[in-house]
């Protein structure tokens, strides 16, 4: 019995291109959603008389690695009022919480799922 396989190299090359495109597109999906979460959180905490600089401390960073793409969204402790993030989100004995990061993430979860779905469809079409 003889088996002849044709097109294996071309198929492997196409698969590698698809994976590379998926990595790029997934990164874009995560970055777009992270930006939306950041803006939503800033809006939710804006206008508080004792926290004028806090909304501007909220930022995000994207990390790409072997396990995928990750976004970290939250107050930058190096910026003015940034170290107050946990106190503002969760409150304390003397301060009521002002939930803004959690609700912003919840609000945009479906957007991330849509973005990843589009990334997969575009990569493997």
PDB file of N, CA and C in Angstrom:
ATOM      1  N   UNK A   1       0.847  -1.170   0.000  1.00  0.00           N
ATOM      2  CA  UNK A   1       0.000   0.000   0.000  1.00  0.00           C
ATOM      3  C   UNK A   1       0.890   1.229   0.000  1.00  0.00           C
ATOM      4  N   UNK A   2       0.583   2.154  -0.848  1.00  0.00           N
ATOM      5  CA  UNK A   2       1.331   3.389  -0.950  1.00  0.00           C
ATOM      6  C   UNK A   2       0.378   4.555  -0.691  1.00  0.00           C
ATOM      7  N   UNK A   3       0.820   5.464   0.167  1.00  0.00           N
ATOM      8  CA  UNK A   3       0.031   6.660   0.460  1.00  0.00           C
ATOM      9  C   UNK A   3       0.835   7.860   0.010  1.00  0.00           C
ATOM     10  N   UNK A   4       0.224   8.705  -0.772  1.00  0.00           N
ATOM     11  CA  UNK A   4       0.876   9.917  -1.236  1.00  0.00           C
ATOM     12  C   UNK A   4       0.108  11.099  -0.656  1.00  0.00           C
ATOM     13  N   UNK A   5       0.806  11.913   0.106  1.00  0.00           N
ATOM     14  CA  UNK A   5       0.203  13.097   0.716  1.00  0.00           C
ATOM     15  C   UNK A   5       0.683  14.312  -0.053  1.00  0.00           C
ATOM     16  N   UNK A   6      -0.249  15.085  -0.561  1.00  0.00           N
ATOM     17  CA  UNK A   6       0.112  16.312  -1.269  1.00  0.00           C
ATOM     18  C   UNK A   6      -0.511  17.491  -0.534  1.00  0.00           C
ATOM     19  N   UNK A   7       0.192  18.590  -0.558  1.00  0.00           N
ATOM     20  CA  UNK A   7      -0.331  19.806   0.053  1.00  0.00           C
ATOM     21  C   UNK A   7      -0.081  19.926   1.536  1.00  0.00           C
ATOM     22  N   UNK A   8       0.665  18.999   2.135  1.00  0.00           N
ATOM     23  CA  UNK A   8       0.900  19.059   3.575  1.00  0.00           C
ATOM     24  C   UNK A   8       1.689  20.301   3.960  1.00  0.00           C
ATOM     25  N   UNK A   9       2.705  20.636   3.182  1.00  0.00           N
ATOM     26  CA  UNK A   9       3.505  21.825   3.506  1.00  0.00           C
ATOM     27  C   UNK A   9       2.684  23.091   3.366  1.00  0.00           C
ATOM     28  N   UNK A  10       1.871  23.162   2.352  1.00  0.00           N
ATOM     29  CA  UNK A  10       1.031  24.342   2.159  1.00  0.00           C
ATOM     30  C   UNK A  10       0.011  24.473   3.285  1.00  0.00           C
ATOM     31  N   UNK A  11      -0.555  23.326   3.685  1.00  0.00           N
ATOM     32  CA  UNK A  11      -1.538  23.350   4.784  1.00  0.00           C
ATOM     33  C   UNK A  11      -0.883  23.777   6.095  1.00  0.00           C
ATOM     34  N   UNK A  12       0.314  23.273   6.352  1.00  0.00           N
ATOM     35  CA  UNK A  12       1.030  23.648   7.571  1.00  0.00           C
ATOM     36  C   UNK A  12       1.362  25.136   7.562  1.00  0.00           C
ATOM     37  N   UNK A  13       1.787  25.652   6.416  1.00  0.00           N
ATOM     38  CA  UNK A  13       2.108  27.079   6.307  1.00  0.00           C
ATOM     39  C   UNK A  13       0.857  27.931   6.529  1.00  0.00           C
ATOM     40  N   UNK A  14      -0.280  27.499   5.965  1.00  0.00           N
ATOM     41  CA  UNK A  14      -1.534  28.240   6.147  1.00  0.00           C
ATOM     42  C   UNK A  14      -1.957  28.227   7.604  1.00  0.00           C
ATOM     43  N   UNK A  15      -1.771  27.088   8.272  1.00  0.00           N
ATOM     44  CA  UNK A  15      -2.122  27.003   9.687  1.00  0.00           C
ATOM     45  C   UNK A  15      -1.252  27.938  10.525  1.00  0.00           C
ATOM     46  N   UNK A  16       0.034  27.998  10.238  1.00  0.00           N
ATOM     47  CA  UNK A  16       0.931  28.898  10.972  1.00  0.00           C
ATOM     48  C   UNK A  16       0.546  30.360  10.751  1.00  0.00           C
ATOM     49  N   UNK A  17       0.168  30.702   9.518  1.00  0.00           N
ATOM     50  CA  UNK A  17      -0.280  32.075   9.244  1.00  0.00           C
ATOM     51  C   UNK A  17      -1.555  32.383  10.026  1.00  0.00           C
ATOM     52  N   UNK A  18      -2.461  31.402  10.109  1.00  0.00           N
ATOM     53  CA  UNK A  18      -3.711  31.601  10.844  1.00  0.00           C
ATOM     54  C   UNK A  18      -3.452  31.828  12.326  1.00  0.00           C
ATOM     55  N   UNK A  19      -2.519  31.072  12.883  1.00  0.00           N
ATOM     56  CA  UNK A  19      -2.203  31.233  14.299  1.00  0.00           C
ATOM     57  C   UNK A  19      -1.607  32.617  14.554  1.00  0.00           C
ATOM     58  N   UNK A  20      -0.715  33.058  13.687  1.00  0.00           N
ATOM     59  CA  UNK A  20      -0.117  34.387  13.842  1.00  0.00           C
ATOM     60  C   UNK A  20      -1.180  35.476  13.744  1.00  0.00           C
ATOM     61  N   UNK A  21      -2.113  35.302  12.800  1.00  0.00           N
ATOM     62  CA  UNK A  21      -3.181  36.293  12.657  1.00  0.00           C
ATOM     63  C   UNK A  21      -4.100  36.263  13.878  1.00  0.00           C
ATOM     64  N   UNK A  22      -4.368  35.076  14.411  1.00  0.00           N
ATOM     65  CA  UNK A  22      -5.194  34.966  15.613  1.00  0.00           C
ATOM     66  C   UNK A  22      -4.541  35.686  16.783  1.00  0.00           C
ATOM     67  N   UNK A  23      -3.235  35.542  16.939  1.00  0.00           N
ATOM     68  CA  UNK A  23      -2.525  36.235  18.024  1.00  0.00           C
ATOM     69  C   UNK A  23      -2.662  37.747  17.874  1.00  0.00           C
ATOM     70  N   UNK A  24      -2.487  38.250  16.657  1.00  0.00           N
ATOM     71  CA  UNK A  24      -2.624  39.701  16.426  1.00  0.00           C
ATOM     72  C   UNK A  24      -4.048  40.164  16.708  1.00  0.00           C
ATOM     73  N   UNK A  25      -5.020  39.445  16.151  1.00  0.00           N
ATOM     74  CA  UNK A  25      -6.421  39.851  16.291  1.00  0.00           C
ATOM     75  C   UNK A  25      -6.904  39.744  17.737  1.00  0.00           C
ATOM     76  N   UNK A  26      -6.469  38.714  18.440  1.00  0.00           N
ATOM     77  CA  UNK A  26      -6.854  38.577  19.849  1.00  0.00           C
ATOM     78  C   UNK A  26      -6.252  39.722  20.666  1.00  0.00           C
ATOM     79  N   UNK A  27      -5.026  40.090  20.345  1.00  0.00           N
ATOM     80  CA  UNK A  27      -4.402  41.232  21.017  1.00  0.00           C
ATOM     81  C   UNK A  27      -5.188  42.505  20.797  1.00  0.00           C
ATOM     82  N   UNK A  28      -5.658  42.687  19.583  1.00  0.00           N
ATOM     83  CA  UNK A  28      -6.474  43.863  19.274  1.00  0.00           C
ATOM     84  C   UNK A  28      -7.789  43.826  20.049  1.00  0.00           C
ATOM     85  N   UNK A  29      -8.427  42.673  20.109  1.00  0.00           N
ATOM     86  CA  UNK A  29      -9.695  42.538  20.835  1.00  0.00           C
ATOM     87  C   UNK A  29      -9.512  42.871  22.312  1.00  0.00           C
ATOM     88  N   UNK A  30      -8.448  42.355  22.905  1.00  0.00           N
ATOM     89  CA  UNK A  30      -8.188  42.612  24.325  1.00  0.00           C
ATOM     90  C   UNK A  30      -7.889  44.096  24.548  1.00  0.00           C
ATOM     91  N   UNK A  31      -7.094  44.701  23.675  1.00  0.00           N
ATOM     92  CA  UNK A  31      -6.738  46.115  23.829  1.00  0.00           C
ATOM     93  C   UNK A  31      -7.967  47.016  23.690  1.00  0.00           C
ATOM     94  N   UNK A  32      -8.821  46.723  22.725  1.00  0.00           N
ATOM     95  CA  UNK A  32     -10.023  47.546  22.528  1.00  0.00           C
ATOM     96  C   UNK A  32     -10.933  47.448  23.753  1.00  0.00           C
ATOM     97  N   UNK A  33     -11.148  46.230  24.238  1.00  0.00           N
ATOM     98  CA  UNK A  33     -12.010  46.062  25.413  1.00  0.00           C
ATOM     99  C   UNK A  33     -11.387  46.694  26.652  1.00  0.00           C
ATOM    100  N   UNK A  34     -10.078  46.566  26.820  1.00  0.00           N
ATOM    101  CA  UNK A  34      -9.408  47.192  27.968  1.00  0.00           C
ATOM    102  C   UNK A  34      -9.600  48.700  27.942  1.00  0.00           C
ATOM    103  N   UNK A  35      -9.520  49.300  26.770  1.00  0.00           N
ATOM    104  CA  UNK A  35      -9.758  50.739  26.653  1.00  0.00           C
ATOM    105  C   UNK A  35     -11.180  51.113  27.035  1.00  0.00           C
ATOM    106  N   UNK A  36     -12.135  50.286  26.640  1.00  0.00           N
ATOM    107  CA  UNK A  36     -13.535  50.550  26.991  1.00  0.00           C
ATOM    108  C   UNK A  36     -13.754  50.415  28.498  1.00  0.00           C
ATOM    109  N   UNK A  37     -13.133  49.401  29.110  1.00  0.00           N
ATOM    110  CA  UNK A  37     -13.257  49.215  30.557  1.00  0.00           C
ATOM    111  C   UNK A  37     -12.656  50.410  31.279  1.00  0.00           C
ATOM    112  N   UNK A  38     -11.478  50.841  30.831  1.00  0.00           N
ATOM    113  CA  UNK A  38     -10.807  51.993  31.447  1.00  0.00           C
ATOM    114  C   UNK A  38     -11.704  53.232  31.394  1.00  0.00           C
ATOM    115  N   UNK A  39     -12.234  53.542  30.213  1.00  0.00           N
ATOM    116  CA  UNK A  39     -13.077  54.735  30.067  1.00  0.00           C
ATOM    117  C   UNK A  39     -14.356  54.638  30.888  1.00  0.00           C
ATOM    118  N   UNK A  40     -14.946  53.449  30.931  1.00  0.00           N
ATOM    119  CA  UNK A  40     -16.162  53.266  31.726  1.00  0.00           C
ATOM    120  C   UNK A  40     -15.875  53.449  33.215  1.00  0.00           C
ATOM    121  N   UNK A  41     -14.772  52.884  33.692  1.00  0.00           N
ATOM    122  CA  UNK A  41     -14.404  53.035  35.104  1.00  0.00           C
ATOM    123  C   UNK A  41     -14.131  54.496  35.427  1.00  0.00           C
ATOM    124  N   UNK A  42     -13.432  55.191  34.551  1.00  0.00           N
ATOM    125  CA  UNK A  42     -13.153  56.612  34.772  1.00  0.00           C
ATOM    126  C   UNK A  42     -14.450  57.401  34.864  1.00  0.00           C
ATOM    127  N   UNK A  43     -15.378  57.106  33.973  1.00  0.00           N
ATOM    128  CA  UNK A  43     -16.649  57.820  33.962  1.00  0.00           C
ATOM    129  C   UNK A  43     -17.447  57.543  35.241  1.00  0.00           C
ATOM    130  N   UNK A  44     -17.414  56.306  35.716  1.00  0.00           N
ATOM    131  CA  UNK A  44     -18.178  55.920  36.898  1.00  0.00           C
ATOM    132  C   UNK A  44     -17.683  56.602  38.175  1.00  0.00           C
ATOM    133  N   UNK A  45     -16.404  56.983  38.212  1.00  0.00           N
ATOM    134  CA  UNK A  45     -15.835  57.568  39.430  1.00  0.00           C
ATOM    135  C   UNK A  45     -15.559  59.071  39.268  1.00  0.00           C
ATOM    136  N   UNK A  46     -15.828  59.610  38.099  1.00  0.00           N
ATOM    137  CA  UNK A  46     -15.594  61.040  37.857  1.00  0.00           C
ATOM    138  C   UNK A  46     -16.582  61.905  38.623  1.00  0.00           C
ATOM    139  N   UNK A  47     -16.157  63.100  38.945  1.00  0.00           N
ATOM    140  CA  UNK A  47     -17.022  64.074  39.577  1.00  0.00           C
ATOM    141  C   UNK A  47     -17.067  64.004  41.092  1.00  0.00           C
ATOM    142  N   UNK A  48     -16.347  63.088  41.682  1.00  0.00           N
ATOM    143  CA  UNK A  48     -16.325  63.006  43.145  1.00  0.00           C
ATOM    144  C   UNK A  48     -15.473  64.152  43.680  1.00  0.00           C
ATOM    145  N   UNK A  49     -15.999  64.956  44.610  1.00  0.00           N
ATOM    146  CA  UNK A  49     -15.274  66.158  45.048  1.00  0.00           C
ATOM    147  C   UNK A  49     -13.923  65.887  45.718  1.00  0.00           C
ATOM    148  N   UNK A  50     -13.777  64.728  46.349  1.00  0.00           N
ATOM    149  CA  UNK A  50     -12.518  64.438  47.037  1.00  0.00           C
ATOM    150  C   UNK A  50     -11.558  63.597  46.205  1.00  0.00           C
ATOM    151  N   UNK A  51     -11.962  63.261  44.998  1.00  0.00           N
ATOM    152  CA  UNK A  51     -11.132  62.406  44.145  1.00  0.00           C
ATOM    153  C   UNK A  51     -10.941  63.013  42.756  1.00  0.00           C
ATOM    154  N   UNK A  52     -10.510  64.258  42.667  1.00  0.00           N
ATOM    155  CA  UNK A  52     -10.435  64.886  41.344  1.00  0.00           C
ATOM    156  C   UNK A  52      -9.402  64.247  40.414  1.00  0.00           C
ATOM    157  N   UNK A  53      -8.326  63.703  40.955  1.00  0.00           N
ATOM    158  CA  UNK A  53      -7.265  63.146  40.112  1.00  0.00           C
ATOM    159  C   UNK A  53      -7.398  61.638  39.923  1.00  0.00           C
ATOM    160  N   UNK A  54      -8.202  60.988  40.748  1.00  0.00           N
ATOM    161  CA  UNK A  54      -8.255  59.530  40.702  1.00  0.00           C
ATOM    162  C   UNK A  54      -8.645  58.970  39.330  1.00  0.00           C
ATOM    163  N   UNK A  55      -9.677  59.485  38.666  1.00  0.00           N
ATOM    164  CA  UNK A  55     -10.029  58.903  37.361  1.00  0.00           C
ATOM    165  C   UNK A  55      -8.859  58.903  36.369  1.00  0.00           C
ATOM    166  N   UNK A  56      -8.001  59.892  36.467  1.00  0.00           N
ATOM    167  CA  UNK A  56      -6.865  59.990  35.540  1.00  0.00           C
ATOM    168  C   UNK A  56      -5.743  59.011  35.892  1.00  0.00           C
ATOM    169  N   UNK A  57      -5.834  58.392  37.061  1.00  0.00           N
ATOM    170  CA  UNK A  57      -4.825  57.395  37.440  1.00  0.00           C
ATOM    171  C   UNK A  57      -5.143  56.025  36.844  1.00  0.00           C
ATOM    172  N   UNK A  58      -6.361  55.840  36.353  1.00  0.00           N
ATOM    173  CA  UNK A  58      -6.757  54.546  35.801  1.00  0.00           C
ATOM    174  C   UNK A  58      -6.157  54.384  34.409  1.00  0.00           C
ATOM    175  N   UNK A  59      -5.461  53.281  34.227  1.00  0.00           N
ATOM    176  CA  UNK A  59      -4.827  52.984  32.946  1.00  0.00           C
ATOM    177  C   UNK A  59      -4.898  51.484  32.699  1.00  0.00           C
ATOM    178  N   UNK A  60      -4.298  51.049  31.601  1.00  0.00           N
ATOM    179  CA  UNK A  60      -4.226  49.610  31.345  1.00  0.00           C
ATOM    180  C   UNK A  60      -2.929  49.297  30.624  1.00  0.00           C
ATOM    181  N   UNK A  61      -2.510  48.048  30.761  1.00  0.00           N
ATOM    182  CA  UNK A  61      -1.337  47.568  30.037  1.00  0.00           C
ATOM    183  C   UNK A  61      -1.670  46.199  29.457  1.00  0.00           C
ATOM    184  N   UNK A  62      -1.065  45.904  28.325  1.00  0.00           N
ATOM    185  CA  UNK A  62      -1.289  44.646  27.622  1.00  0.00           C
ATOM    186  C   UNK A  62      -0.008  43.825  27.700  1.00  0.00           C
ATOM    187  N   UNK A  63      -0.146  42.549  28.024  1.00  0.00           N
ATOM    188  CA  UNK A  63       0.982  41.633  28.063  1.00  0.00           C
ATOM    189  C   UNK A  63       0.680  40.474  27.120  1.00  0.00           C
ATOM    190  N   UNK A  64       1.616  40.196  26.237  1.00  0.00           N
ATOM    191  CA  UNK A  64       1.485  39.061  25.310  1.00  0.00           C
ATOM    192  C   UNK A  64       2.522  38.025  25.708  1.00  0.00           C
ATOM    193  N   UNK A  65       2.088  36.782  25.807  1.00  0.00           N
ATOM    194  CA  UNK A  65       3.014  35.726  26.200  1.00  0.00           C
ATOM    195  C   UNK A  65       2.604  34.392  25.631  1.00  0.00           C
ATOM    196  N   UNK A  66       3.269  33.357  26.075  1.00  0.00           N
ATOM    197  CA  UNK A  66       3.007  32.009  25.582  1.00  0.00           C
ATOM    198  C   UNK A  66       1.585  31.552  25.902  1.00  0.00           C
ATOM    199  N   UNK A  67       1.018  32.074  26.964  1.00  0.00           N
ATOM    200  CA  UNK A  67      -0.331  31.669  27.363  1.00  0.00           C
ATOM    201  C   UNK A  67      -1.420  32.533  26.742  1.00  0.00           C
ATOM    202  N   UNK A  68      -1.062  33.556  25.995  1.00  0.00           N
ATOM    203  CA  UNK A  68      -2.056  34.394  25.339  1.00  0.00           C
ATOM    204  C   UNK A  68      -1.841  35.865  25.622  1.00  0.00           C
ATOM    205  N   UNK A  69      -2.924  36.611  25.548  1.00  0.00           N
ATOM    206  CA  UNK A  69      -2.899  38.059  25.729  1.00  0.00           C
ATOM    207  C   UNK A  69      -3.647  38.397  27.014  1.00  0.00           C
ATOM    208  N   UNK A  70      -3.079  39.305  27.777  1.00  0.00           N
ATOM    209  CA  UNK A  70      -3.661  39.670  29.066  1.00  0.00           C
ATOM    210  C   UNK A  70      -3.658  41.184  29.206  1.00  0.00           C
ATOM    211  N   UNK A  71      -4.733  41.716  29.790  1.00  0.00           N
ATOM    212  CA  UNK A  71      -4.801  43.147  30.075  1.00  0.00           C
ATOM    213  C   UNK A  71      -4.911  43.343  31.583  1.00  0.00           C
ATOM    214  N   UNK A  72      -4.154  44.297  32.081  1.00  0.00           N
ATOM    215  CA  UNK A  72      -4.280  44.698  33.484  1.00  0.00           C
ATOM    216  C   UNK A  72      -4.841  46.116  33.476  1.00  0.00           C
ATOM    217  N   UNK A  73      -5.984  46.282  34.119  1.00  0.00           N
ATOM    218  CA  UNK A  73      -6.695  47.560  34.110  1.00  0.00           C
ATOM    219  C   UNK A  73      -6.880  48.007  35.549  1.00  0.00           C
ATOM    220  N   UNK A  74      -6.524  49.245  35.832  1.00  0.00           N
ATOM    221  CA  UNK A  74      -6.721  49.751  37.180  1.00  0.00           C
ATOM    222  C   UNK A  74      -5.905  50.989  37.428  1.00  0.00           C
ATOM    223  N   UNK A  75      -5.975  51.498  38.658  1.00  0.00           N
ATOM    224  CA  UNK A  75      -5.240  52.716  38.976  1.00  0.00           C
ATOM    225  C   UNK A  75      -3.737  52.464  39.023  1.00  0.00           C
ATOM    226  N   UNK A  76      -3.000  53.396  38.484  1.00  0.00           N
ATOM    227  CA  UNK A  76      -1.533  53.359  38.533  1.00  0.00           C
ATOM    228  C   UNK A  76      -1.127  53.983  39.853  1.00  0.00           C
ATOM    229  N   UNK A  77      -0.516  53.195  40.709  1.00  0.00           N
ATOM    230  CA  UNK A  77      -0.149  53.681  42.046  1.00  0.00           C
ATOM    231  C   UNK A  77       0.897  54.789  42.007  1.00  0.00           C
ATOM    232  N   UNK A  78       1.543  54.960  40.874  1.00  0.00           N
ATOM    233  CA  UNK A  78       2.522  56.027  40.731  1.00  0.00           C
ATOM    234  C   UNK A  78       1.906  57.372  40.358  1.00  0.00           C
ATOM    235  N   UNK A  79       0.631  57.370  40.058  1.00  0.00           N
ATOM    236  CA  UNK A  79      -0.057  58.618  39.711  1.00  0.00           C
ATOM    237  C   UNK A  79      -0.817  59.152  40.922  1.00  0.00           C
ATOM    238  N   UNK A  80      -1.106  60.444  40.868  1.00  0.00           N
ATOM    239  CA  UNK A  80      -1.810  61.110  41.965  1.00  0.00           C
ATOM    240  C   UNK A  80      -3.131  60.402  42.251  1.00  0.00           C
ATOM    241  N   UNK A  81      -3.384  60.075  43.484  1.00  0.00           N
ATOM    242  CA  UNK A  81      -4.556  59.381  44.025  1.00  0.00           C
ATOM    243  C   UNK A  81      -4.678  57.931  43.542  1.00  0.00           C
ATOM    244  N   UNK A  82      -3.749  57.448  42.741  1.00  0.00           N
ATOM    245  CA  UNK A  82      -3.770  56.062  42.291  1.00  0.00           C
ATOM    246  C   UNK A  82      -3.739  55.034  43.411  1.00  0.00           C
ATOM    247  N   UNK A  83      -2.957  55.268  44.481  1.00  0.00           N
ATOM    248  CA  UNK A  83      -2.926  54.285  45.573  1.00  0.00           C
ATOM    249  C   UNK A  83      -4.263  54.112  46.302  1.00  0.00           C
ATOM    250  N   UNK A  84      -5.234  54.950  46.022  1.00  0.00           N
ATOM    251  CA  UNK A  84      -6.533  54.857  46.695  1.00  0.00           C
ATOM    252  C   UNK A  84      -7.476  53.849  46.036  1.00  0.00           C
ATOM    253  N   UNK A  85      -7.035  53.184  44.984  1.00  0.00           N
ATOM    254  CA  UNK A  85      -7.907  52.317  44.193  1.00  0.00           C
ATOM    255  C   UNK A  85      -8.707  51.302  44.991  1.00  0.00           C
ATOM    256  N   UNK A  86      -8.041  50.492  45.810  1.00  0.00           N
ATOM    257  CA  UNK A  86      -8.760  49.475  46.592  1.00  0.00           C
ATOM    258  C   UNK A  86      -9.737  50.116  47.571  1.00  0.00           C
ATOM    259  N   UNK A  87      -9.317  51.190  48.203  1.00  0.00           N
ATOM    260  CA  UNK A  87     -10.177  51.882  49.156  1.00  0.00           C
ATOM    261  C   UNK A  87     -11.434  52.416  48.460  1.00  0.00           C
ATOM    262  N   UNK A  88     -11.263  52.950  47.271  1.00  0.00           N
ATOM    263  CA  UNK A  88     -12.410  53.508  46.542  1.00  0.00           C
ATOM    264  C   UNK A  88     -13.334  52.393  46.055  1.00  0.00           C
ATOM    265  N   UNK A  89     -12.772  51.357  45.470  1.00  0.00           N
ATOM    266  CA  UNK A  89     -13.588  50.261  44.922  1.00  0.00           C
ATOM    267  C   UNK A  89     -14.344  49.508  46.016  1.00  0.00           C
ATOM    268  N   UNK A  90     -13.663  49.190  47.117  1.00  0.00           N
ATOM    269  CA  UNK A  90     -14.251  48.321  48.142  1.00  0.00           C
ATOM    270  C   UNK A  90     -14.680  49.036  49.415  1.00  0.00           C
ATOM    271  N   UNK A  91     -14.261  50.285  49.596  1.00  0.00           N
ATOM    272  CA  UNK A  91     -14.631  51.039  50.780  1.00  0.00           C
ATOM    273  C   UNK A  91     -13.833  50.616  52.003  1.00  0.00           C
ATOM    274  N   UNK A  92     -14.173  51.208  53.128  1.00  0.00           N
ATOM    275  CA  UNK A  92     -13.520  50.898  54.405  1.00  0.00           C
ATOM    276  C   UNK A  92     -14.549  51.108  55.519  1.00  0.00           C
ATOM    277  N   UNK A  93     -14.099  51.015  56.731  1.00  0.00           N
ATOM    278  CA  UNK A  93     -14.986  51.232  57.874  1.00  0.00           C
ATOM    279  C   UNK A  93     -15.577  52.637  57.817  1.00  0.00           C
ATOM    280  N   UNK A  94     -14.786  53.596  57.353  1.00  0.00           N
ATOM    281  CA  UNK A  94     -15.221  54.996  57.352  1.00  0.00           C
ATOM    282  C   UNK A  94     -15.686  55.507  55.994  1.00  0.00           C
ATOM    283  N   UNK A  95     -15.509  54.724  54.936  1.00  0.00           N
ATOM    284  CA  UNK A  95     -15.842  55.199  53.585  1.00  0.00           C
ATOM    285  C   UNK A  95     -16.668  54.156  52.844  1.00  0.00           C
ATOM    286  N   UNK A  96     -17.767  54.609  52.280  1.00  0.00           N
ATOM    287  CA  UNK A  96     -18.591  53.706  51.468  1.00  0.00           C
ATOM    288  C   UNK A  96     -17.855  53.378  50.165  1.00  0.00           C
ATOM    289  N   UNK A  97     -18.052  52.175  49.646  1.00  0.00           N
ATOM    290  CA  UNK A  97     -17.394  51.836  48.382  1.00  0.00           C
ATOM    291  C   UNK A  97     -17.998  52.602  47.203  1.00  0.00           C
ATOM    292  N   UNK A  98     -17.169  52.832  46.212  1.00  0.00           N
ATOM    293  CA  UNK A  98     -17.628  53.401  44.945  1.00  0.00           C
ATOM    294  C   UNK A  98     -17.217  52.395  43.866  1.00  0.00           C
ATOM    295  N   UNK A  99     -18.048  51.365  43.639  1.00  0.00           N
ATOM    296  CA  UNK A  99     -17.687  50.352  42.649  1.00  0.00           C
ATOM    297  C   UNK A  99     -17.595  50.973  41.257  1.00  0.00           C
ATOM    298  N   UNK A 100     -16.476  50.788  40.611  1.00  0.00           N
ATOM    299  CA  UNK A 100     -16.299  51.350  39.277  1.00  0.00           C
ATOM    300  C   UNK A 100     -15.526  50.403  38.372  1.00  0.00           C
ATOM    301  N   UNK A 101     -14.499  49.735  38.875  1.00  0.00           N
ATOM    302  CA  UNK A 101     -13.727  48.812  38.042  1.00  0.00           C
ATOM    303  C   UNK A 101     -14.492  47.518  37.780  1.00  0.00           C
ATOM    304  N   UNK A 102     -15.040  46.922  38.823  1.00  0.00           N
ATOM    305  CA  UNK A 102     -15.816  45.690  38.660  1.00  0.00           C
ATOM    306  C   UNK A 102     -17.003  45.865  37.730  1.00  0.00           C
ATOM    307  N   UNK A 103     -17.842  46.889  37.962  1.00  0.00           N
ATOM    308  CA  UNK A 103     -18.969  47.095  37.059  1.00  0.00           C
ATOM    309  C   UNK A 103     -18.547  47.415  35.619  1.00  0.00           C
ATOM    310  N   UNK A 104     -17.433  48.140  35.457  1.00  0.00           N
ATOM    311  CA  UNK A 104     -16.957  48.451  34.102  1.00  0.00           C
ATOM    312  C   UNK A 104     -16.525  47.180  33.381  1.00  0.00           C
ATOM    313  N   UNK A 105     -15.887  46.276  34.111  1.00  0.00           N
ATOM    314  CA  UNK A 105     -15.488  45.004  33.516  1.00  0.00           C
ATOM    315  C   UNK A 105     -16.718  44.175  33.154  1.00  0.00           C
ATOM    316  N   UNK A 106     -17.671  44.096  34.055  1.00  0.00           N
ATOM    317  CA  UNK A 106     -18.904  43.351  33.779  1.00  0.00           C
ATOM    318  C   UNK A 106     -19.622  43.908  32.554  1.00  0.00           C
ATOM    319  N   UNK A 107     -19.662  45.222  32.458  1.00  0.00           N
ATOM    320  CA  UNK A 107     -20.350  45.890  31.352  1.00  0.00           C
ATOM    321  C   UNK A 107     -19.728  45.534  30.000  1.00  0.00           C
ATOM    322  N   UNK A 108     -18.437  45.261  29.966  1.00  0.00           N
ATOM    323  CA  UNK A 108     -17.732  45.037  28.706  1.00  0.00           C
ATOM    324  C   UNK A 108     -17.337  43.588  28.452  1.00  0.00           C
ATOM    325  N   UNK A 109     -17.770  42.666  29.294  1.00  0.00           N
ATOM    326  CA  UNK A 109     -17.405  41.252  29.122  1.00  0.00           C
ATOM    327  C   UNK A 109     -17.901  40.701  27.786  1.00  0.00           C
ATOM    328  N   UNK A 110     -19.128  41.013  27.412  1.00  0.00           N
ATOM    329  CA  UNK A 110     -19.660  40.516  26.141  1.00  0.00           C
ATOM    330  C   UNK A 110     -18.902  41.091  24.954  1.00  0.00           C
ATOM    331  N   UNK A 111     -18.430  42.322  25.086  1.00  0.00           N
ATOM    332  CA  UNK A 111     -17.642  42.943  24.024  1.00  0.00           C
ATOM    333  C   UNK A 111     -16.350  42.156  23.788  1.00  0.00           C
ATOM    334  N   UNK A 112     -15.718  41.726  24.860  1.00  0.00           N
ATOM    335  CA  UNK A 112     -14.497  40.929  24.722  1.00  0.00           C
ATOM    336  C   UNK A 112     -14.797  39.600  24.040  1.00  0.00           C
ATOM    337  N   UNK A 113     -15.863  38.945  24.448  1.00  0.00           N
ATOM    338  CA  UNK A 113     -16.227  37.677  23.819  1.00  0.00           C
ATOM    339  C   UNK A 113     -16.494  37.845  22.329  1.00  0.00           C
ATOM    340  N   UNK A 114     -17.192  38.909  21.950  1.00  0.00           N
ATOM    341  CA  UNK A 114     -17.438  39.187  20.529  1.00  0.00           C
ATOM    342  C   UNK A 114     -16.133  39.430  19.789  1.00  0.00           C
ATOM    343  N   UNK A 115     -15.237  40.194  20.409  1.00  0.00           N
ATOM    344  CA  UNK A 115     -13.954  40.487  19.775  1.00  0.00           C
ATOM    345  C   UNK A 115     -13.111  39.248  19.555  1.00  0.00           C
ATOM    346  N   UNK A 116     -13.096  38.353  20.534  1.00  0.00           N
ATOM    347  CA  UNK A 116     -12.329  37.111  20.391  1.00  0.00           C
ATOM    348  C   UNK A 116     -12.974  36.215  19.337  1.00  0.00           C
ATOM    349  N   UNK A 117     -14.293  36.177  19.318  1.00  0.00           N
ATOM    350  CA  UNK A 117     -14.984  35.378  18.301  1.00  0.00           C
ATOM    351  C   UNK A 117     -14.648  35.881  16.900  1.00  0.00           C
ATOM    352  N   UNK A 118     -14.654  37.179  16.718  1.00  0.00           N
ATOM    353  CA  UNK A 118     -14.295  37.763  15.420  1.00  0.00           C
ATOM    354  C   UNK A 118     -12.847  37.441  15.080  1.00  0.00           C
ATOM    355  N   UNK A 119     -11.973  37.518  16.071  1.00  0.00           N
ATOM    356  CA  UNK A 119     -10.556  37.211  15.842  1.00  0.00           C
ATOM    357  C   UNK A 119     -10.374  35.779  15.343  1.00  0.00           C
ATOM    358  N   UNK A 120     -11.085  34.847  15.956  1.00  0.00           N
ATOM    359  CA  UNK A 120     -10.978  33.440  15.549  1.00  0.00           C
ATOM    360  C   UNK A 120     -11.534  33.249  14.149  1.00  0.00           C
ATOM    361  N   UNK A 121     -12.708  33.817  13.883  1.00  0.00           N
ATOM    362  CA  UNK A 121     -13.312  33.659  12.564  1.00  0.00           C
ATOM    363  C   UNK A 121     -12.446  34.240  11.461  1.00  0.00           C
ATOM    364  N   UNK A 122     -11.860  35.406  11.708  1.00  0.00           N
ATOM    365  CA  UNK A 122     -10.992  36.022  10.698  1.00  0.00           C
ATOM    366  C   UNK A 122      -9.709  35.227  10.479  1.00  0.00           C
ATOM    367  N   UNK A 123      -9.180  34.659  11.538  1.00  0.00           N
ATOM    368  CA  UNK A 123      -7.916  33.935  11.423  1.00  0.00           C
ATOM    369  C   UNK A 123      -8.066  32.612  10.680  1.00  0.00           C
ATOM    370  N   UNK A 124      -9.188  31.959  10.851  1.00  0.00           N
ATOM    371  CA  UNK A 124      -9.343  30.621  10.285  1.00  0.00           C
ATOM    372  C   UNK A 124     -10.363  30.531   9.170  1.00  0.00           C
ATOM    373  N   UNK A 125     -10.654  31.625   8.504  1.00  0.00           N
ATOM    374  CA  UNK A 125     -11.603  31.575   7.390  1.00  0.00           C
ATOM    375  C   UNK A 125     -10.935  31.108   6.139  1.00  0.00           C
TER     376      UNK A 125
END
